[in-house]
Amino acid sequence: MGCCSPNYQKMVEEEENKINEKNNKQVPLWGKLVSVLIVAGAWLIYFL
């Protein structure tokens, strides 16, 4: 199976989709809230 096979691109795309589904981890809500609070605090300190 070389790179010139008609099914090669399809196989590569399927493998990429499988890997992306496994690695698709979302940031939990508390992590987002902490990040927003840190950024908001930094902006507040910067402008005061």
PDB file of N, CA and C in Angstrom:
ATOM      1  N   MET A   1       0.843  -1.177   0.000  1.00  0.00           N
ATOM      2  CA  MET A   1       0.000   0.000   0.000  1.00  0.00           C
ATOM      3  C   MET A   1       0.888   1.240   0.000  1.00  0.00           C
ATOM      4  N   GLY A   2       1.054   1.827  -1.119  1.00  0.00           N
ATOM      5  CA  GLY A   2       1.891   3.016  -1.211  1.00  0.00           C
ATOM      6  C   GLY A   2       1.068   4.279  -1.126  1.00  0.00           C
ATOM      7  N   CYS A   3       1.752   5.387  -1.263  1.00  0.00           N
ATOM      8  CA  CYS A   3       1.071   6.672  -1.175  1.00  0.00           C
ATOM      9  C   CYS A   3       0.210   6.939  -2.404  1.00  0.00           C
ATOM     10  N   CYS A   4       0.381   6.151  -3.443  1.00  0.00           N
ATOM     11  CA  CYS A   4      -0.362   6.378  -4.682  1.00  0.00           C
ATOM     12  C   CYS A   4      -1.629   5.537  -4.762  1.00  0.00           C
ATOM     13  N   SER A   5      -1.898   4.741  -3.761  1.00  0.00           N
ATOM     14  CA  SER A   5      -3.095   3.912  -3.759  1.00  0.00           C
ATOM     15  C   SER A   5      -4.335   4.795  -3.666  1.00  0.00           C
ATOM     16  N   PRO A   6      -5.399   4.453  -4.387  1.00  0.00           N
ATOM     17  CA  PRO A   6      -6.619   5.277  -4.332  1.00  0.00           C
ATOM     18  C   PRO A   6      -7.245   5.327  -2.941  1.00  0.00           C
ATOM     19  N   ASN A   7      -7.057   4.289  -2.161  1.00  0.00           N
ATOM     20  CA  ASN A   7      -7.666   4.255  -0.831  1.00  0.00           C
ATOM     21  C   ASN A   7      -6.759   4.824   0.253  1.00  0.00           C
ATOM     22  N   TYR A   8      -5.535   5.193  -0.099  1.00  0.00           N
ATOM     23  CA  TYR A   8      -4.571   5.645   0.907  1.00  0.00           C
ATOM     24  C   TYR A   8      -5.067   6.904   1.614  1.00  0.00           C
ATOM     25  N   GLN A   9      -5.509   7.893   0.850  1.00  0.00           N
ATOM     26  CA  GLN A   9      -5.962   9.151   1.450  1.00  0.00           C
ATOM     27  C   GLN A   9      -7.166   8.923   2.359  1.00  0.00           C
ATOM     28  N   LYS A  10      -8.063   8.048   1.942  1.00  0.00           N
ATOM     29  CA  LYS A  10      -9.249   7.745   2.749  1.00  0.00           C
ATOM     30  C   LYS A  10      -8.841   7.091   4.069  1.00  0.00           C
ATOM     31  N   MET A  11      -7.876   6.173   4.000  1.00  0.00           N
ATOM     32  CA  MET A  11      -7.406   5.502   5.215  1.00  0.00           C
ATOM     33  C   MET A  11      -6.742   6.493   6.158  1.00  0.00           C
ATOM     34  N   VAL A  12      -5.938   7.401   5.603  1.00  0.00           N
ATOM     35  CA  VAL A  12      -5.259   8.396   6.437  1.00  0.00           C
ATOM     36  C   VAL A  12      -6.285   9.290   7.126  1.00  0.00           C
ATOM     37  N   GLU A  13      -7.300   9.732   6.400  1.00  0.00           N
ATOM     38  CA  GLU A  13      -8.332  10.585   6.989  1.00  0.00           C
ATOM     39  C   GLU A  13      -9.091   9.864   8.094  1.00  0.00           C
ATOM     40  N   GLU A  14      -9.380   8.582   7.900  1.00  0.00           N
ATOM     41  CA  GLU A  14     -10.077   7.814   8.932  1.00  0.00           C
ATOM     42  C   GLU A  14      -9.221   7.695  10.188  1.00  0.00           C
ATOM     43  N   GLU A  15      -7.927   7.443  10.017  1.00  0.00           N
ATOM     44  CA  GLU A  15      -7.028   7.345  11.171  1.00  0.00           C
ATOM     45  C   GLU A  15      -6.942   8.682  11.902  1.00  0.00           C
ATOM     46  N   GLU A  16      -6.855   9.777  11.151  1.00  0.00           N
ATOM     47  CA  GLU A  16      -6.795  11.100  11.770  1.00  0.00           C
ATOM     48  C   GLU A  16      -8.066  11.379  12.564  1.00  0.00           C
ATOM     49  N   ASN A  17      -9.216  11.007  12.013  1.00  0.00           N
ATOM     50  CA  ASN A  17     -10.478  11.226  12.721  1.00  0.00           C
ATOM     51  C   ASN A  17     -10.535  10.420  14.012  1.00  0.00           C
ATOM     52  N   LYS A  18     -10.048   9.177  13.980  1.00  0.00           N
ATOM     53  CA  LYS A  18     -10.033   8.350  15.191  1.00  0.00           C
ATOM     54  C   LYS A  18      -9.149   8.981  16.260  1.00  0.00           C
ATOM     55  N   ILE A  19      -7.972   9.450  15.855  1.00  0.00           N
ATOM     56  CA  ILE A  19      -7.041  10.064  16.805  1.00  0.00           C
ATOM     57  C   ILE A  19      -7.631  11.344  17.371  1.00  0.00           C
ATOM     58  N   ASN A  20      -8.242  12.155  16.514  1.00  0.00           N
ATOM     59  CA  ASN A  20      -8.826  13.415  16.974  1.00  0.00           C
ATOM     60  C   ASN A  20      -9.986  13.185  17.928  1.00  0.00           C
ATOM     61  N   GLU A  21     -10.772  12.147  17.707  1.00  0.00           N
ATOM     62  CA  GLU A  21     -11.876  11.848  18.616  1.00  0.00           C
ATOM     63  C   GLU A  21     -11.350  11.442  19.987  1.00  0.00           C
ATOM     64  N   LYS A  22     -10.258  10.690  20.018  1.00  0.00           N
ATOM     65  CA  LYS A  22      -9.682  10.263  21.294  1.00  0.00           C
ATOM     66  C   LYS A  22      -9.097  11.448  22.050  1.00  0.00           C
ATOM     67  N   ASN A  23      -8.492  12.393  21.334  1.00  0.00           N
ATOM     68  CA  ASN A  23      -7.799  13.510  21.972  1.00  0.00           C
ATOM     69  C   ASN A  23      -8.670  14.743  22.135  1.00  0.00           C
ATOM     70  N   ASN A  24      -9.954  14.639  21.881  1.00  0.00           N
ATOM     71  CA  ASN A  24     -10.842  15.793  21.964  1.00  0.00           C
ATOM     72  C   ASN A  24     -11.339  15.937  23.399  1.00  0.00           C
ATOM     73  N   LYS A  25     -10.486  16.469  24.262  1.00  0.00           N
ATOM     74  CA  LYS A  25     -10.851  16.671  25.659  1.00  0.00           C
ATOM     75  C   LYS A  25     -11.204  18.141  25.842  1.00  0.00           C
ATOM     76  N   GLN A  26     -12.327  18.390  26.494  1.00  0.00           N
ATOM     77  CA  GLN A  26     -12.745  19.761  26.720  1.00  0.00           C
ATOM     78  C   GLN A  26     -12.304  20.214  28.098  1.00  0.00           C
ATOM     79  N   VAL A  27     -12.077  21.521  28.219  1.00  0.00           N
ATOM     80  CA  VAL A  27     -11.710  22.097  29.502  1.00  0.00           C
ATOM     81  C   VAL A  27     -12.968  22.126  30.367  1.00  0.00           C
ATOM     82  N   PRO A  28     -12.874  21.648  31.612  1.00  0.00           N
ATOM     83  CA  PRO A  28     -14.052  21.672  32.479  1.00  0.00           C
ATOM     84  C   PRO A  28     -14.491  23.106  32.782  1.00  0.00           C
ATOM     85  N   LEU A  29     -15.733  23.245  33.194  1.00  0.00           N
ATOM     86  CA  LEU A  29     -16.306  24.565  33.448  1.00  0.00           C
ATOM     87  C   LEU A  29     -15.528  25.319  34.514  1.00  0.00           C
ATOM     88  N   TRP A  30     -15.117  24.644  35.580  1.00  0.00           N
ATOM     89  CA  TRP A  30     -14.382  25.342  36.635  1.00  0.00           C
ATOM     90  C   TRP A  30     -13.051  25.859  36.118  1.00  0.00           C
ATOM     91  N   GLY A  31     -12.441  25.143  35.185  1.00  0.00           N
ATOM     92  CA  GLY A  31     -11.183  25.604  34.592  1.00  0.00           C
ATOM     93  C   GLY A  31     -11.383  26.867  33.781  1.00  0.00           C
ATOM     94  N   LYS A  32     -12.489  26.927  33.059  1.00  0.00           N
ATOM     95  CA  LYS A  32     -12.801  28.134  32.291  1.00  0.00           C
ATOM     96  C   LYS A  32     -13.052  29.310  33.222  1.00  0.00           C
ATOM     97  N   LEU A  33     -13.794  29.070  34.306  1.00  0.00           N
ATOM     98  CA  LEU A  33     -14.095  30.143  35.249  1.00  0.00           C
ATOM     99  C   LEU A  33     -12.827  30.676  35.910  1.00  0.00           C
ATOM    100  N   VAL A  34     -11.932  29.793  36.292  1.00  0.00           N
ATOM    101  CA  VAL A  34     -10.670  30.214  36.901  1.00  0.00           C
ATOM    102  C   VAL A  34      -9.864  31.042  35.911  1.00  0.00           C
ATOM    103  N   SER A  35      -9.823  30.613  34.664  1.00  0.00           N
ATOM    104  CA  SER A  35      -9.085  31.353  33.643  1.00  0.00           C
ATOM    105  C   SER A  35      -9.668  32.747  33.452  1.00  0.00           C
ATOM    106  N   VAL A  36     -10.980  32.841  33.412  1.00  0.00           N
ATOM    107  CA  VAL A  36     -11.630  34.148  33.240  1.00  0.00           C
ATOM    108  C   VAL A  36     -11.331  35.043  34.434  1.00  0.00           C
ATOM    109  N   LEU A  37     -11.376  34.496  35.630  1.00  0.00           N
ATOM    110  CA  LEU A  37     -11.089  35.296  36.821  1.00  0.00           C
ATOM    111  C   LEU A  37      -9.651  35.801  36.824  1.00  0.00           C
ATOM    112  N   ILE A  38      -8.715  34.974  36.420  1.00  0.00           N
ATOM    113  CA  ILE A  38      -7.311  35.386  36.375  1.00  0.00           C
ATOM    114  C   ILE A  38      -7.117  36.499  35.356  1.00  0.00           C
ATOM    115  N   VAL A  39      -7.701  36.332  34.176  1.00  0.00           N
ATOM    116  CA  VAL A  39      -7.563  37.355  33.133  1.00  0.00           C
ATOM    117  C   VAL A  39      -8.240  38.651  33.566  1.00  0.00           C
ATOM    118  N   ALA A  40      -9.429  38.548  34.161  1.00  0.00           N
ATOM    119  CA  ALA A  40     -10.137  39.744  34.618  1.00  0.00           C
ATOM    120  C   ALA A  40      -9.336  40.453  35.708  1.00  0.00           C
ATOM    121  N   GLY A  41      -8.748  39.694  36.612  1.00  0.00           N
ATOM    122  CA  GLY A  41      -7.914  40.292  37.652  1.00  0.00           C
ATOM    123  C   GLY A  41      -6.692  40.980  37.077  1.00  0.00           C
ATOM    124  N   ALA A  42      -6.087  40.376  36.083  1.00  0.00           N
ATOM    125  CA  ALA A  42      -4.913  40.984  35.445  1.00  0.00           C
ATOM    126  C   ALA A  42      -5.295  42.294  34.757  1.00  0.00           C
ATOM    127  N   TRP A  43      -6.428  42.308  34.064  1.00  0.00           N
ATOM    128  CA  TRP A  43      -6.880  43.547  33.409  1.00  0.00           C
ATOM    129  C   TRP A  43      -7.173  44.619  34.451  1.00  0.00           C
ATOM    130  N   LEU A  44      -7.787  44.243  35.560  1.00  0.00           N
ATOM    131  CA  LEU A  44      -8.110  45.196  36.617  1.00  0.00           C
ATOM    132  C   LEU A  44      -6.838  45.804  37.200  1.00  0.00           C
ATOM    133  N   ILE A  45      -5.853  44.975  37.471  1.00  0.00           N
ATOM    134  CA  ILE A  45      -4.574  45.467  37.993  1.00  0.00           C
ATOM    135  C   ILE A  45      -3.888  46.360  36.972  1.00  0.00           C
ATOM    136  N   TYR A  46      -3.956  45.993  35.720  1.00  0.00           N
ATOM    137  CA  TYR A  46      -3.289  46.752  34.660  1.00  0.00           C
ATOM    138  C   TYR A  46      -3.875  48.154  34.526  1.00  0.00           C
ATOM    139  N   PHE A  47      -5.194  48.273  34.632  1.00  0.00           N
ATOM    140  CA  PHE A  47      -5.841  49.564  34.401  1.00  0.00           C
ATOM    141  C   PHE A  47      -5.970  50.414  35.659  1.00  0.00           C
ATOM    142  N   LEU A  48      -5.665  49.884  36.827  1.00  0.00           N
ATOM    143  CA  LEU A  48      -5.754  50.684  38.061  1.00  0.00           C
ATOM    144  C   LEU A  48      -4.415  51.195  38.523  1.00  0.00           C
TER     145      LEU A  48
END
